[in-house]
Amino acid sequence: MQEATTNTTTTAAPSFAVDWDAGHMGCGEVLIQLKLRFRPLQTGDLFRLITRDIAAPLEIPAWCRVTKRQLIHAEHPEYWIEQK
């Protein structure tokens, strides 16, 4: 009798330089805090943002475009942003 083999691959979770849960903070304040929190980051660092503000699906991608940062993942309430 032959044993069944299973191939399993595990994908490692990305390593975030910053992991910030902004909770229900309004987008205006979130964007100000993002500017401050991105200052010490190096090019290529990943920032994980959790924000439950209802405007975030529009505001966070717009902020990334304006600041020329790469939005890697956007699935409300979680956003992954790469430092430029």
PDB file of N, CA and C in Angstrom:
ATOM      1  N   MET A   1       0.838  -1.173   0.000  1.00  0.00           N
ATOM      2  CA  MET A   1       0.000   0.000   0.000  1.00  0.00           C
ATOM      3  C   MET A   1       0.887   1.242   0.000  1.00  0.00           C
ATOM      4  N   GLN A   2       0.579   2.149  -0.869  1.00  0.00           N
ATOM      5  CA  GLN A   2       1.389   3.357  -1.019  1.00  0.00           C
ATOM      6  C   GLN A   2       0.826   4.486  -0.155  1.00  0.00           C
ATOM      7  N   GLU A   3       1.736   5.185   0.565  1.00  0.00           N
ATOM      8  CA  GLU A   3       1.299   6.290   1.408  1.00  0.00           C
ATOM      9  C   GLU A   3       1.083   7.544   0.571  1.00  0.00           C
ATOM     10  N   ALA A   4       0.055   8.276   0.903  1.00  0.00           N
ATOM     11  CA  ALA A   4      -0.215   9.534   0.204  1.00  0.00           C
ATOM     12  C   ALA A   4       0.716  10.612   0.742  1.00  0.00           C
ATOM     13  N   THR A   5       1.230  11.399  -0.145  1.00  0.00           N
ATOM     14  CA  THR A   5       2.073  12.519   0.265  1.00  0.00           C
ATOM     15  C   THR A   5       1.339  13.815  -0.053  1.00  0.00           C
ATOM     16  N   THR A   6       1.524  14.740   0.810  1.00  0.00           N
ATOM     17  CA  THR A   6       0.903  16.039   0.570  1.00  0.00           C
ATOM     18  C   THR A   6       1.977  17.100   0.500  1.00  0.00           C
ATOM     19  N   ASN A   7       1.857  17.944  -0.466  1.00  0.00           N
ATOM     20  CA  ASN A   7       2.766  19.072  -0.597  1.00  0.00           C
ATOM     21  C   ASN A   7       2.087  20.292  -0.014  1.00  0.00           C
ATOM     22  N   THR A   8       2.670  20.826   1.018  1.00  0.00           N
ATOM     23  CA  THR A   8       2.108  22.035   1.599  1.00  0.00           C
ATOM     24  C   THR A   8       3.148  23.130   1.521  1.00  0.00           C
ATOM     25  N   THR A   9       2.712  24.269   1.115  1.00  0.00           N
ATOM     26  CA  THR A   9       3.601  25.420   1.075  1.00  0.00           C
ATOM     27  C   THR A   9       3.051  26.458   2.020  1.00  0.00           C
ATOM     28  N   THR A  10       3.932  27.041   2.755  1.00  0.00           N
ATOM     29  CA  THR A  10       3.518  28.085   3.676  1.00  0.00           C
ATOM     30  C   THR A  10       4.114  29.393   3.206  1.00  0.00           C
ATOM     31  N   THR A  11       3.287  30.375   3.161  1.00  0.00           N
ATOM     32  CA  THR A  11       3.735  31.695   2.779  1.00  0.00           C
ATOM     33  C   THR A  11       3.936  32.501   4.047  1.00  0.00           C
ATOM     34  N   ALA A  12       5.153  32.980   4.206  1.00  0.00           N
ATOM     35  CA  ALA A  12       5.456  33.766   5.399  1.00  0.00           C
ATOM     36  C   ALA A  12       4.751  35.109   5.315  1.00  0.00           C
ATOM     37  N   ALA A  13       4.257  35.552   6.443  1.00  0.00           N
ATOM     38  CA  ALA A  13       3.620  36.868   6.505  1.00  0.00           C
ATOM     39  C   ALA A  13       4.684  37.937   6.287  1.00  0.00           C
ATOM     40  N   PRO A  14       4.319  39.029   5.648  1.00  0.00           N
ATOM     41  CA  PRO A  14       5.302  40.084   5.438  1.00  0.00           C
ATOM     42  C   PRO A  14       5.790  40.650   6.768  1.00  0.00           C
ATOM     43  N   SER A  15       6.991  41.155   6.744  1.00  0.00           N
ATOM     44  CA  SER A  15       7.561  41.778   7.934  1.00  0.00           C
ATOM     45  C   SER A  15       7.314  43.280   7.846  1.00  0.00           C
ATOM     46  N   PHE A  16       6.594  43.807   8.820  1.00  0.00           N
ATOM     47  CA  PHE A  16       6.251  45.217   8.809  1.00  0.00           C
ATOM     48  C   PHE A  16       7.195  45.997   9.713  1.00  0.00           C
ATOM     49  N   ALA A  17       7.692  47.124   9.215  1.00  0.00           N
ATOM     50  CA  ALA A  17       8.515  48.012  10.037  1.00  0.00           C
ATOM     51  C   ALA A  17       7.631  48.663  11.100  1.00  0.00           C
ATOM     52  N   VAL A  18       6.390  48.956  10.725  1.00  0.00           N
ATOM     53  CA  VAL A  18       5.423  49.565  11.651  1.00  0.00           C
ATOM     54  C   VAL A  18       4.083  48.871  11.452  1.00  0.00           C
ATOM     55  N   ASP A  19       3.425  48.603  12.550  1.00  0.00           N
ATOM     56  CA  ASP A  19       2.099  47.998  12.542  1.00  0.00           C
ATOM     57  C   ASP A  19       1.242  48.869  13.459  1.00  0.00           C
ATOM     58  N   TRP A  20       0.352  49.671  12.875  1.00  0.00           N
ATOM     59  CA  TRP A  20      -0.396  50.657  13.649  1.00  0.00           C
ATOM     60  C   TRP A  20      -1.894  50.464  13.475  1.00  0.00           C
ATOM     61  N   ASP A  21      -2.591  50.343  14.588  1.00  0.00           N
ATOM     62  CA  ASP A  21      -4.050  50.259  14.578  1.00  0.00           C
ATOM     63  C   ASP A  21      -4.582  51.623  15.005  1.00  0.00           C
ATOM     64  N   ALA A  22      -5.111  52.371  14.034  1.00  0.00           N
ATOM     65  CA  ALA A  22      -5.629  53.713  14.298  1.00  0.00           C
ATOM     66  C   ALA A  22      -7.067  53.676  14.812  1.00  0.00           C
ATOM     67  N   GLY A  23      -7.642  52.500  14.901  1.00  0.00           N
ATOM     68  CA  GLY A  23      -8.999  52.372  15.426  1.00  0.00           C
ATOM     69  C   GLY A  23     -10.011  53.152  14.617  1.00  0.00           C
ATOM     70  N   HIS A  24     -10.847  53.918  15.315  1.00  0.00           N
ATOM     71  CA  HIS A  24     -11.905  54.703  14.674  1.00  0.00           C
ATOM     72  C   HIS A  24     -11.510  56.171  14.500  1.00  0.00           C
ATOM     73  N   MET A  25     -10.208  56.453  14.604  1.00  0.00           N
ATOM     74  CA  MET A  25      -9.721  57.818  14.418  1.00  0.00           C
ATOM     75  C   MET A  25     -10.141  58.322  13.037  1.00  0.00           C
ATOM     76  N   GLY A  26     -10.512  59.592  12.944  1.00  0.00           N
ATOM     77  CA  GLY A  26     -10.919  60.175  11.668  1.00  0.00           C
ATOM     78  C   GLY A  26      -9.769  60.250  10.686  1.00  0.00           C
ATOM     79  N   CYS A  27     -10.090  60.212   9.397  1.00  0.00           N
ATOM     80  CA  CYS A  27      -9.059  60.173   8.365  1.00  0.00           C
ATOM     81  C   CYS A  27      -8.121  61.380   8.405  1.00  0.00           C
ATOM     82  N   GLY A  28      -8.641  62.552   8.712  1.00  0.00           N
ATOM     83  CA  GLY A  28      -7.767  63.722   8.784  1.00  0.00           C
ATOM     84  C   GLY A  28      -6.639  63.514   9.773  1.00  0.00           C
ATOM     85  N   GLU A  29      -6.983  63.042  10.951  1.00  0.00           N
ATOM     86  CA  GLU A  29      -5.972  62.785  11.972  1.00  0.00           C
ATOM     87  C   GLU A  29      -5.081  61.602  11.594  1.00  0.00           C
ATOM     88  N   VAL A  30      -5.656  60.584  10.971  1.00  0.00           N
ATOM     89  CA  VAL A  30      -4.872  59.433  10.523  1.00  0.00           C
ATOM     90  C   VAL A  30      -3.810  59.886   9.531  1.00  0.00           C
ATOM     91  N   LEU A  31      -4.184  60.726   8.577  1.00  0.00           N
ATOM     92  CA  LEU A  31      -3.224  61.174   7.561  1.00  0.00           C
ATOM     93  C   LEU A  31      -2.098  61.999   8.174  1.00  0.00           C
ATOM     94  N   ILE A  32      -2.413  62.835   9.154  1.00  0.00           N
ATOM     95  CA  ILE A  32      -1.372  63.602   9.847  1.00  0.00           C
ATOM     96  C   ILE A  32      -0.431  62.650  10.582  1.00  0.00           C
ATOM     97  N   GLN A  33      -0.992  61.674  11.281  1.00  0.00           N
ATOM     98  CA  GLN A  33      -0.177  60.702  11.999  1.00  0.00           C
ATOM     99  C   GLN A  33       0.668  59.855  11.041  1.00  0.00           C
ATOM    100  N   LEU A  34       0.109  59.520   9.872  1.00  0.00           N
ATOM    101  CA  LEU A  34       0.877  58.745   8.894  1.00  0.00           C
ATOM    102  C   LEU A  34       2.131  59.508   8.477  1.00  0.00           C
ATOM    103  N   LYS A  35       1.980  60.784   8.213  1.00  0.00           N
ATOM    104  CA  LYS A  35       3.135  61.599   7.819  1.00  0.00           C
ATOM    105  C   LYS A  35       4.234  61.499   8.874  1.00  0.00           C
ATOM    106  N   LEU A  36       3.860  61.630  10.133  1.00  0.00           N
ATOM    107  CA  LEU A  36       4.835  61.563  11.224  1.00  0.00           C
ATOM    108  C   LEU A  36       5.430  60.163  11.371  1.00  0.00           C
ATOM    109  N   ARG A  37       4.603  59.155  11.254  1.00  0.00           N
ATOM    110  CA  ARG A  37       5.056  57.778  11.455  1.00  0.00           C
ATOM    111  C   ARG A  37       5.920  57.269  10.310  1.00  0.00           C
ATOM    112  N   PHE A  38       5.800  57.874   9.126  1.00  0.00           N
ATOM    113  CA  PHE A  38       6.622  57.455   7.995  1.00  0.00           C
ATOM    114  C   PHE A  38       8.013  58.087   8.010  1.00  0.00           C
ATOM    115  N   ARG A  39       8.202  59.169   8.739  1.00  0.00           N
ATOM    116  CA  ARG A  39       9.497  59.877   8.745  1.00  0.00           C
ATOM    117  C   ARG A  39      10.691  58.983   9.027  1.00  0.00           C
ATOM    118  N   PRO A  40      10.655  58.140  10.070  1.00  0.00           N
ATOM    119  CA  PRO A  40      11.856  57.349  10.361  1.00  0.00           C
ATOM    120  C   PRO A  40      12.050  56.118   9.471  1.00  0.00           C
ATOM    121  N   LEU A  41      11.098  55.816   8.605  1.00  0.00           N
ATOM    122  CA  LEU A  41      11.176  54.596   7.802  1.00  0.00           C
ATOM    123  C   LEU A  41      12.175  54.736   6.659  1.00  0.00           C
ATOM    124  N   GLN A  42      12.752  53.606   6.293  1.00  0.00           N
ATOM    125  CA  GLN A  42      13.693  53.528   5.176  1.00  0.00           C
ATOM    126  C   GLN A  42      12.938  53.131   3.896  1.00  0.00           C
ATOM    127  N   THR A  43      13.524  53.431   2.754  1.00  0.00           N
ATOM    128  CA  THR A  43      12.942  53.035   1.473  1.00  0.00           C
ATOM    129  C   THR A  43      12.705  51.530   1.463  1.00  0.00           C
ATOM    130  N   GLY A  44      11.499  51.145   1.085  1.00  0.00           N
ATOM    131  CA  GLY A  44      11.135  49.737   1.001  1.00  0.00           C
ATOM    132  C   GLY A  44      10.500  49.169   2.259  1.00  0.00           C
ATOM    133  N   ASP A  45      10.555  49.898   3.370  1.00  0.00           N
ATOM    134  CA  ASP A  45       9.911  49.427   4.599  1.00  0.00           C
ATOM    135  C   ASP A  45       8.403  49.332   4.390  1.00  0.00           C
ATOM    136  N   LEU A  46       7.800  48.323   5.009  1.00  0.00           N
ATOM    137  CA  LEU A  46       6.347  48.146   4.929  1.00  0.00           C
ATOM    138  C   LEU A  46       5.678  48.643   6.201  1.00  0.00           C
ATOM    139  N   PHE A  47       4.570  49.325   5.997  1.00  0.00           N
ATOM    140  CA  PHE A  47       3.777  49.893   7.080  1.00  0.00           C
ATOM    141  C   PHE A  47       2.406  49.240   7.000  1.00  0.00           C
ATOM    142  N   ARG A  48       1.960  48.656   8.095  1.00  0.00           N
ATOM    143  CA  ARG A  48       0.618  48.055   8.127  1.00  0.00           C
ATOM    144  C   ARG A  48      -0.292  48.968   8.934  1.00  0.00           C
ATOM    145  N   LEU A  49      -1.333  49.444   8.305  1.00  0.00           N
ATOM    146  CA  LEU A  49      -2.296  50.348   8.924  1.00  0.00           C
ATOM    147  C   LEU A  49      -3.642  49.645   9.032  1.00  0.00           C
ATOM    148  N   ILE A  50      -4.220  49.729  10.216  1.00  0.00           N
ATOM    149  CA  ILE A  50      -5.598  49.303  10.426  1.00  0.00           C
ATOM    150  C   ILE A  50      -6.366  50.573  10.776  1.00  0.00           C
ATOM    151  N   THR A  51      -7.374  50.893   9.990  1.00  0.00           N
ATOM    152  CA  THR A  51      -8.214  52.051  10.281  1.00  0.00           C
ATOM    153  C   THR A  51      -9.651  51.709   9.912  1.00  0.00           C
ATOM    154  N   ARG A  52     -10.544  52.000  10.826  1.00  0.00           N
ATOM    155  CA  ARG A  52     -11.948  51.656  10.613  1.00  0.00           C
ATOM    156  C   ARG A  52     -12.781  52.844  10.151  1.00  0.00           C
ATOM    157  N   ASP A  53     -12.129  53.967   9.880  1.00  0.00           N
ATOM    158  CA  ASP A  53     -12.840  55.143   9.398  1.00  0.00           C
ATOM    159  C   ASP A  53     -13.493  54.825   8.047  1.00  0.00           C
ATOM    160  N   ILE A  54     -14.746  55.225   7.880  1.00  0.00           N
ATOM    161  CA  ILE A  54     -15.471  54.878   6.650  1.00  0.00           C
ATOM    162  C   ILE A  54     -14.911  55.567   5.406  1.00  0.00           C
ATOM    163  N   ALA A  55     -14.150  56.643   5.577  1.00  0.00           N
ATOM    164  CA  ALA A  55     -13.558  57.341   4.428  1.00  0.00           C
ATOM    165  C   ALA A  55     -12.227  56.732   3.997  1.00  0.00           C
ATOM    166  N   ALA A  56     -11.672  55.839   4.779  1.00  0.00           N
ATOM    167  CA  ALA A  56     -10.351  55.274   4.496  1.00  0.00           C
ATOM    168  C   ALA A  56     -10.218  54.633   3.112  1.00  0.00           C
ATOM    169  N   PRO A  57     -11.213  53.894   2.607  1.00  0.00           N
ATOM    170  CA  PRO A  57     -11.043  53.292   1.284  1.00  0.00           C
ATOM    171  C   PRO A  57     -10.799  54.318   0.167  1.00  0.00           C
ATOM    172  N   LEU A  58     -11.210  55.552   0.382  1.00  0.00           N
ATOM    173  CA  LEU A  58     -10.931  56.611  -0.592  1.00  0.00           C
ATOM    174  C   LEU A  58      -9.689  57.407  -0.211  1.00  0.00           C
ATOM    175  N   GLU A  59      -9.556  57.716   1.080  1.00  0.00           N
ATOM    176  CA  GLU A  59      -8.492  58.604   1.549  1.00  0.00           C
ATOM    177  C   GLU A  59      -7.107  57.968   1.544  1.00  0.00           C
ATOM    178  N   ILE A  60      -6.990  56.741   1.953  1.00  0.00           N
ATOM    179  CA  ILE A  60      -5.669  56.109   2.044  1.00  0.00           C
ATOM    180  C   ILE A  60      -5.039  55.932   0.653  1.00  0.00           C
ATOM    181  N   PRO A  61      -5.748  55.403  -0.340  1.00  0.00           N
ATOM    182  CA  PRO A  61      -5.149  55.328  -1.680  1.00  0.00           C
ATOM    183  C   PRO A  61      -4.789  56.712  -2.241  1.00  0.00           C
ATOM    184  N   ALA A  62      -5.621  57.709  -1.978  1.00  0.00           N
ATOM    185  CA  ALA A  62      -5.324  59.064  -2.456  1.00  0.00           C
ATOM    186  C   ALA A  62      -4.063  59.597  -1.784  1.00  0.00           C
ATOM    187  N   TRP A  63      -3.922  59.379  -0.473  1.00  0.00           N
ATOM    188  CA  TRP A  63      -2.730  59.820   0.246  1.00  0.00           C
ATOM    189  C   TRP A  63      -1.474  59.152  -0.311  1.00  0.00           C
ATOM    190  N   CYS A  64      -1.584  57.881  -0.637  1.00  0.00           N
ATOM    191  CA  CYS A  64      -0.440  57.156  -1.210  1.00  0.00           C
ATOM    192  C   CYS A  64      -0.051  57.739  -2.566  1.00  0.00           C
ATOM    193  N   ARG A  65      -1.036  58.044  -3.394  1.00  0.00           N
ATOM    194  CA  ARG A  65      -0.730  58.643  -4.705  1.00  0.00           C
ATOM    195  C   ARG A  65      -0.052  59.994  -4.545  1.00  0.00           C
ATOM    196  N   VAL A  66      -0.584  60.839  -3.677  1.00  0.00           N
ATOM    197  CA  VAL A  66      -0.048  62.191  -3.480  1.00  0.00           C
ATOM    198  C   VAL A  66       1.373  62.142  -2.914  1.00  0.00           C
ATOM    199  N   THR A  67       1.629  61.214  -1.995  1.00  0.00           N
ATOM    200  CA  THR A  67       2.943  61.126  -1.359  1.00  0.00           C
ATOM    201  C   THR A  67       3.884  60.173  -2.096  1.00  0.00           C
ATOM    202  N   LYS A  68       3.414  59.626  -3.196  1.00  0.00           N
ATOM    203  CA  LYS A  68       4.189  58.705  -4.031  1.00  0.00           C
ATOM    204  C   LYS A  68       4.658  57.455  -3.274  1.00  0.00           C
ATOM    205  N   ARG A  69       3.821  56.983  -2.392  1.00  0.00           N
ATOM    206  CA  ARG A  69       4.078  55.727  -1.691  1.00  0.00           C
ATOM    207  C   ARG A  69       3.262  54.627  -2.358  1.00  0.00           C
ATOM    208  N   GLN A  70       3.760  53.424  -2.287  1.00  0.00           N
ATOM    209  CA  GLN A  70       3.115  52.295  -2.952  1.00  0.00           C
ATOM    210  C   GLN A  70       2.109  51.641  -2.013  1.00  0.00           C
ATOM    211  N   LEU A  71       0.864  51.587  -2.436  1.00  0.00           N
ATOM    212  CA  LEU A  71      -0.166  50.873  -1.688  1.00  0.00           C
ATOM    213  C   LEU A  71      -0.115  49.419  -2.146  1.00  0.00           C
ATOM    214  N   ILE A  72       0.365  48.556  -1.270  1.00  0.00           N
ATOM    215  CA  ILE A  72       0.583  47.147  -1.602  1.00  0.00           C
ATOM    216  C   ILE A  72      -0.689  46.322  -1.453  1.00  0.00           C
ATOM    217  N   HIS A  73      -1.460  46.633  -0.422  1.00  0.00           N
ATOM    218  CA  HIS A  73      -2.667  45.858  -0.114  1.00  0.00           C
ATOM    219  C   HIS A  73      -3.711  46.806   0.473  1.00  0.00           C
ATOM    220  N   ALA A  74      -4.914  46.733  -0.012  1.00  0.00           N
ATOM    221  CA  ALA A  74      -5.997  47.567   0.516  1.00  0.00           C
ATOM    222  C   ALA A  74      -7.269  46.740   0.580  1.00  0.00           C
ATOM    223  N   GLU A  75      -7.573  46.292   1.765  1.00  0.00           N
ATOM    224  CA  GLU A  75      -8.820  45.571   2.008  1.00  0.00           C
ATOM    225  C   GLU A  75      -9.323  46.062   3.366  1.00  0.00           C
ATOM    226  N   HIS A  76     -10.241  47.026   3.305  1.00  0.00           N
ATOM    227  CA  HIS A  76     -10.699  47.715   4.509  1.00  0.00           C
ATOM    228  C   HIS A  76     -11.051  46.730   5.604  1.00  0.00           C
ATOM    229  N   PRO A  77     -10.499  46.889   6.770  1.00  0.00           N
ATOM    230  CA  PRO A  77      -9.823  48.037   7.368  1.00  0.00           C
ATOM    231  C   PRO A  77      -8.298  47.962   7.333  1.00  0.00           C
ATOM    232  N   GLU A  78      -7.720  47.060   6.521  1.00  0.00           N
ATOM    233  CA  GLU A  78      -6.264  46.855   6.531  1.00  0.00           C
ATOM    234  C   GLU A  78      -5.621  47.387   5.253  1.00  0.00           C
ATOM    235  N   TYR A  79      -4.526  48.134   5.443  1.00  0.00           N
ATOM    236  CA  TYR A  79      -3.792  48.731   4.330  1.00  0.00           C
ATOM    237  C   TYR A  79      -2.297  48.507   4.551  1.00  0.00           C
ATOM    238  N   TRP A  80      -1.598  48.059   3.511  1.00  0.00           N
ATOM    239  CA  TRP A  80      -0.150  47.883   3.572  1.00  0.00           C
ATOM    240  C   TRP A  80       0.449  48.927   2.645  1.00  0.00           C
ATOM    241  N   ILE A  81       1.364  49.713   3.167  1.00  0.00           N
ATOM    242  CA  ILE A  81       1.947  50.814   2.405  1.00  0.00           C
ATOM    243  C   ILE A  81       3.465  50.672   2.440  1.00  0.00           C
ATOM    244  N   GLU A  82       4.084  50.817   1.265  1.00  0.00           N
ATOM    245  CA  GLU A  82       5.550  50.729   1.178  1.00  0.00           C
ATOM    246  C   GLU A  82       6.147  52.123   1.139  1.00  0.00           C
ATOM    247  N   GLN A  83       7.163  52.342   1.962  1.00  0.00           N
ATOM    248  CA  GLN A  83       7.852  53.630   2.007  1.00  0.00           C
ATOM    249  C   GLN A  83       8.584  53.879   0.686  1.00  0.00           C
ATOM    250  N   LYS A  84       8.533  55.107   0.235  1.00  0.00           N
ATOM    251  CA  LYS A  84       9.215  55.446  -1.034  1.00  0.00           C
ATOM    252  C   LYS A  84      10.691  55.619  -0.829  1.00  0.00           C
TER     253      LYS A  84
END
